[in-house]
C-alpha atoms as a PDB file:
ATOM      1  CA  UNK A   1     -15.194  -2.909   6.611  1.00  0.00           C
ATOM      2  CA  UNK A   2     -16.477  -4.323   3.533  1.00  0.00           C
ATOM      3  CA  UNK A   3     -17.235  -8.135   3.706  1.00  0.00           C
ATOM      4  CA  UNK A   4     -16.438 -10.581   0.840  1.00  0.00           C
ATOM      5  CA  UNK A   5     -20.307 -11.022   0.505  1.00  0.00           C
ATOM      6  CA  UNK A   6     -20.727  -7.395  -0.006  1.00  0.00           C
ATOM      7  CA  UNK A   7     -17.934  -7.433  -2.742  1.00  0.00           C
ATOM      8  CA  UNK A   8     -19.665 -10.142  -4.465  1.00  0.00           C
ATOM      9  CA  UNK A   9     -22.716  -8.118  -4.751  1.00  0.00           C
ATOM     10  CA  UNK A  10     -20.872  -5.052  -6.089  1.00  0.00           C
ATOM     11  CA  UNK A  11     -18.351  -6.906  -8.576  1.00  0.00           C
ATOM     12  CA  UNK A  12     -19.939  -9.427 -10.825  1.00  0.00           C
ATOM     13  CA  UNK A  13     -17.003 -11.431 -11.639  1.00  0.00           C
ATOM     14  CA  UNK A  14     -15.130 -11.696  -8.385  1.00  0.00           C
ATOM     15  CA  UNK A  15     -16.129 -15.383  -8.225  1.00  0.00           C
ATOM     16  CA  UNK A  16     -13.756 -16.039 -11.032  1.00  0.00           C
ATOM     17  CA  UNK A  17     -10.834 -14.608  -9.161  1.00  0.00           C
ATOM     18  CA  UNK A  18      -9.504 -17.981  -7.943  1.00  0.00           C
ATOM     19  CA  UNK A  19      -9.239 -19.453 -11.301  1.00  0.00           C
ATOM     20  CA  UNK A  20      -9.385 -16.602 -13.878  1.00  0.00           C
ATOM     21  CA  UNK A  21      -8.351 -18.397 -17.110  1.00  0.00           C
ATOM     22  CA  UNK A  22      -6.637 -15.090 -18.181  1.00  0.00           C
ATOM     23  CA  UNK A  23      -6.342 -16.751 -21.673  1.00  0.00           C
ATOM     24  CA  UNK A  24      -9.965 -16.747 -22.152  1.00  0.00           C
ATOM     25  CA  UNK A  25     -10.560 -12.988 -21.554  1.00  0.00           C
ATOM     26  CA  UNK A  26     -13.269 -11.216 -23.666  1.00  0.00           C
ATOM     27  CA  UNK A  27     -12.331  -8.191 -26.019  1.00  0.00           C
ATOM     28  CA  UNK A  28     -13.994  -5.627 -23.847  1.00  0.00           C
ATOM     29  CA  UNK A  29     -15.055  -4.892 -20.393  1.00  0.00           C
ATOM     30  CA  UNK A  30     -13.133  -7.891 -18.940  1.00  0.00           C
ATOM     31  CA  UNK A  31     -10.935  -7.182 -15.992  1.00  0.00           C
ATOM     32  CA  UNK A  32      -8.481  -9.915 -16.877  1.00  0.00           C
ATOM     33  CA  UNK A  33      -7.178  -7.414 -19.865  1.00  0.00           C
ATOM     34  CA  UNK A  34      -5.933  -5.208 -17.126  1.00  0.00           C
ATOM     35  CA  UNK A  35      -3.822  -7.553 -15.112  1.00  0.00           C
ATOM     36  CA  UNK A  36      -0.112  -7.151 -16.127  1.00  0.00           C
ATOM     37  CA  UNK A  37       1.535 -10.394 -17.382  1.00  0.00           C
ATOM     38  CA  UNK A  38       4.013 -10.494 -14.481  1.00  0.00           C
ATOM     39  CA  UNK A  39       1.071 -10.366 -11.929  1.00  0.00           C
ATOM     40  CA  UNK A  40      -0.666 -13.283 -14.106  1.00  0.00           C
ATOM     41  CA  UNK A  41       2.354 -15.257 -13.870  1.00  0.00           C
ATOM     42  CA  UNK A  42       2.346 -15.473  -9.910  1.00  0.00           C
ATOM     43  CA  UNK A  43      -1.479 -15.376  -9.549  1.00  0.00           C
ATOM     44  CA  UNK A  44      -1.437 -18.540  -7.655  1.00  0.00           C
ATOM     45  CA  UNK A  45       1.014 -17.163  -5.157  1.00  0.00           C
ATOM     46  CA  UNK A  46      -0.947 -14.144  -4.196  1.00  0.00           C
ATOM     47  CA  UNK A  47      -3.004 -13.950  -1.113  1.00  0.00           C
ATOM     48  CA  UNK A  48      -6.823 -13.638  -1.458  1.00  0.00           C
ATOM     49  CA  UNK A  49      -6.633  -9.998  -0.211  1.00  0.00           C
ATOM     50  CA  UNK A  50      -4.082  -9.084  -2.960  1.00  0.00           C
ATOM     51  CA  UNK A  51      -6.325 -11.013  -5.611  1.00  0.00           C
ATOM     52  CA  UNK A  52      -9.245  -8.961  -4.435  1.00  0.00           C
ATOM     53  CA  UNK A  53      -7.213  -5.621  -4.663  1.00  0.00           C
ATOM     54  CA  UNK A  54      -5.916  -6.536  -8.270  1.00  0.00           C
ATOM     55  CA  UNK A  55      -9.383  -7.647  -9.379  1.00  0.00           C
ATOM     56  CA  UNK A  56     -11.167  -4.428  -8.112  1.00  0.00           C
ATOM     57  CA  UNK A  57      -8.531  -2.237  -9.654  1.00  0.00           C
ATOM     58  CA  UNK A  58      -8.632  -4.063 -13.058  1.00  0.00           C
ATOM     59  CA  UNK A  59     -12.369  -4.281 -12.938  1.00  0.00           C
ATOM     60  CA  UNK A  60     -12.801  -0.668 -12.265  1.00  0.00           C
ATOM     61  CA  UNK A  61     -10.528   0.153 -15.313  1.00  0.00           C
ATOM     62  CA  UNK A  62     -12.426  -2.282 -17.458  1.00  0.00           C
ATOM     63  CA  UNK A  63     -15.698  -0.635 -16.741  1.00  0.00           C
ATOM     64  CA  UNK A  64     -14.286   2.674 -17.885  1.00  0.00           C
ATOM     65  CA  UNK A  65     -13.794   1.311 -21.504  1.00  0.00           C
ATOM     66  CA  UNK A  66     -15.808   3.233 -23.972  1.00  0.00           C
ATOM     67  CA  UNK A  67     -16.520   1.386 -27.111  1.00  0.00           C
ATOM     68  CA  UNK A  68     -18.841   2.825 -30.194  1.00  0.00           C
END
């Protein structure tokens, strides 16, 4: 089982997960751009485990961006 500490090493922005400030997302390679608005609206009600799952999924997608 992966620990939170291990996730911190692998995913650079996981520390911003508690207060992600979605409105301050950067143009590219930012996980916050891949979180649906409906999920953003209920972010505060999500469990830590759910936030981690959403974060990892969104971060993986953001890292796939290909900008010229």
